[in-house]
Amino acid sequence: MAAMEPAQRCPACRARLGTAAVCSRCGSDFSIARRAERQARALAGIAVQQLVLGQTEQAAATADAACALAHSPLAQALSQMLRQRSSQPQRVTGSGLEI
């Protein structure tokens, strides 16, 4: 299963799932997992917007929330980048803070 994409096969019985929320063979319900994936994608997008607006702390918190919901490569990359950025010493230049 690729990250943040619907499962191709049911993890319980290995039947093909496609985009269905419920497995047609065994009845396993994946609607909550699918909702968490959608919410994680939305939060990752919000984190990017916050980063663009210079809201670094909020972006880090939002990316962490997305990671807590579901495996999101974008949210994980953002979270890791923001942690590295916050752990690096900031240099002061003639025009202000350099990050």
Protein backbone atom coordinates (compact mmCIF):
# COMPACT_ATOMS: atom_id res chain seq x y z
CA MET A 1 0.00 0.00 0.00
CA ALA A 2 1.42 3.36 -0.99
CA ALA A 3 1.44 6.09 1.61
CA MET A 4 -1.72 8.18 1.88
CA GLU A 5 -3.47 6.29 -0.96
CA PRO A 6 -6.38 3.92 -0.52
CA ALA A 7 -5.31 0.35 0.20
CA GLN A 8 -5.25 -1.81 -2.88
CA ARG A 9 -6.01 -4.97 -0.88
CA CYS A 10 -7.87 -5.65 2.33
CA PRO A 11 -5.35 -6.36 5.10
CA ALA A 12 -7.77 -8.91 6.61
CA CYS A 13 -8.61 -11.11 3.61
CA ARG A 14 -6.43 -9.66 0.79
CA ALA A 15 -9.45 -8.96 -1.48
CA ARG A 16 -9.14 -6.03 -3.88
CA LEU A 17 -10.46 -2.85 -2.25
CA GLY A 18 -10.02 -0.01 -4.66
CA THR A 19 -11.62 3.06 -3.11
CA ALA A 20 -14.36 1.21 -1.20
CA ALA A 21 -14.58 1.93 2.52
CA VAL A 22 -15.87 -1.57 3.31
CA CYS A 23 -14.39 -4.81 1.99
CA SER A 24 -16.93 -6.62 -0.17
CA ARG A 25 -15.53 -10.02 0.80
CA CYS A 26 -15.08 -9.90 4.59
CA GLY A 27 -16.92 -6.71 5.56
CA SER A 28 -13.94 -4.98 7.21
CA ASP A 29 -14.70 -1.27 7.54
CA PHE A 30 -11.90 1.15 6.65
CA SER A 31 -13.96 4.34 6.70
CA ILE A 32 -12.31 5.68 9.87
CA ALA A 33 -8.82 5.00 8.51
CA ARG A 34 -9.72 6.66 5.21
CA ARG A 35 -11.12 9.69 7.07
CA ALA A 36 -7.90 9.95 9.10
CA GLU A 37 -5.88 9.88 5.87
CA ARG A 38 -7.98 12.70 4.38
CA GLN A 39 -7.65 14.76 7.56
CA ALA A 40 -3.88 14.20 7.63
CA ARG A 41 -3.61 15.41 4.02
CA ALA A 42 -5.66 18.50 4.86
CA LEU A 43 -3.53 19.25 7.93
CA ALA A 44 -0.33 18.85 5.90
CA GLY A 45 -1.66 21.42 3.43
CA ILE A 46 -2.50 23.80 6.26
CA ALA A 47 1.01 23.34 7.67
CA VAL A 48 2.49 24.35 4.31
CA GLN A 49 0.29 27.46 4.24
CA GLN A 50 1.34 28.35 7.79
CA LEU A 51 5.00 27.93 6.86
CA VAL A 52 4.58 30.22 3.86
CA LEU A 53 3.01 32.83 6.14
CA GLY A 54 5.97 32.60 8.51
CA GLN A 55 3.99 30.85 11.23
CA THR A 56 6.74 28.32 11.90
CA GLU A 57 5.65 27.16 15.35
CA GLN A 58 2.05 26.67 14.22
CA ALA A 59 3.23 24.86 11.09
CA ALA A 60 5.31 22.46 13.21
CA ALA A 61 2.36 21.74 15.50
CA THR A 62 0.03 21.19 12.55
CA ALA A 63 2.52 18.89 10.79
CA ASP A 64 2.91 16.89 14.01
CA ALA A 65 -0.89 16.59 14.27
CA ALA A 66 -1.02 15.29 10.69
CA CYS A 67 1.67 12.73 11.48
CA ALA A 68 -0.28 11.57 14.52
CA LEU A 69 -3.38 10.92 12.39
CA ALA A 70 -1.89 8.96 9.52
CA HIS A 71 1.32 8.29 7.63
CA SER A 72 1.81 11.42 5.57
CA PRO A 73 5.13 11.80 3.75
CA LEU A 74 4.56 15.54 3.33
CA ALA A 75 3.72 16.06 7.01
CA GLN A 76 6.67 13.93 8.10
CA ALA A 77 9.05 15.86 5.86
CA LEU A 78 7.70 19.19 7.13
CA SER A 79 7.90 18.10 10.75
CA GLN A 80 11.47 16.86 10.34
CA MET A 81 12.57 20.01 8.49
CA LEU A 82 11.01 22.29 11.09
CA ARG A 83 12.60 20.34 13.97
CA GLN A 84 16.01 20.62 12.28
CA ARG A 85 15.45 24.31 11.63
CA SER A 86 14.50 25.00 15.26
CA SER A 87 17.52 23.07 16.60
CA GLN A 88 20.02 25.03 14.48
CA PRO A 89 21.41 28.21 16.00
CA GLN A 90 20.08 31.31 14.29
CA ARG A 91 22.59 33.83 12.96
CA VAL A 92 22.11 37.55 13.13
CA THR A 93 23.00 39.51 10.02
CA GLY A 94 22.96 43.21 9.30
CA SER A 95 19.38 43.00 8.01
CA GLY A 96 18.02 40.93 10.89
CA LEU A 97 17.63 37.25 11.58
CA GLU A 98 18.96 34.74 9.10
CA ILE A 99 17.42 31.28 9.13
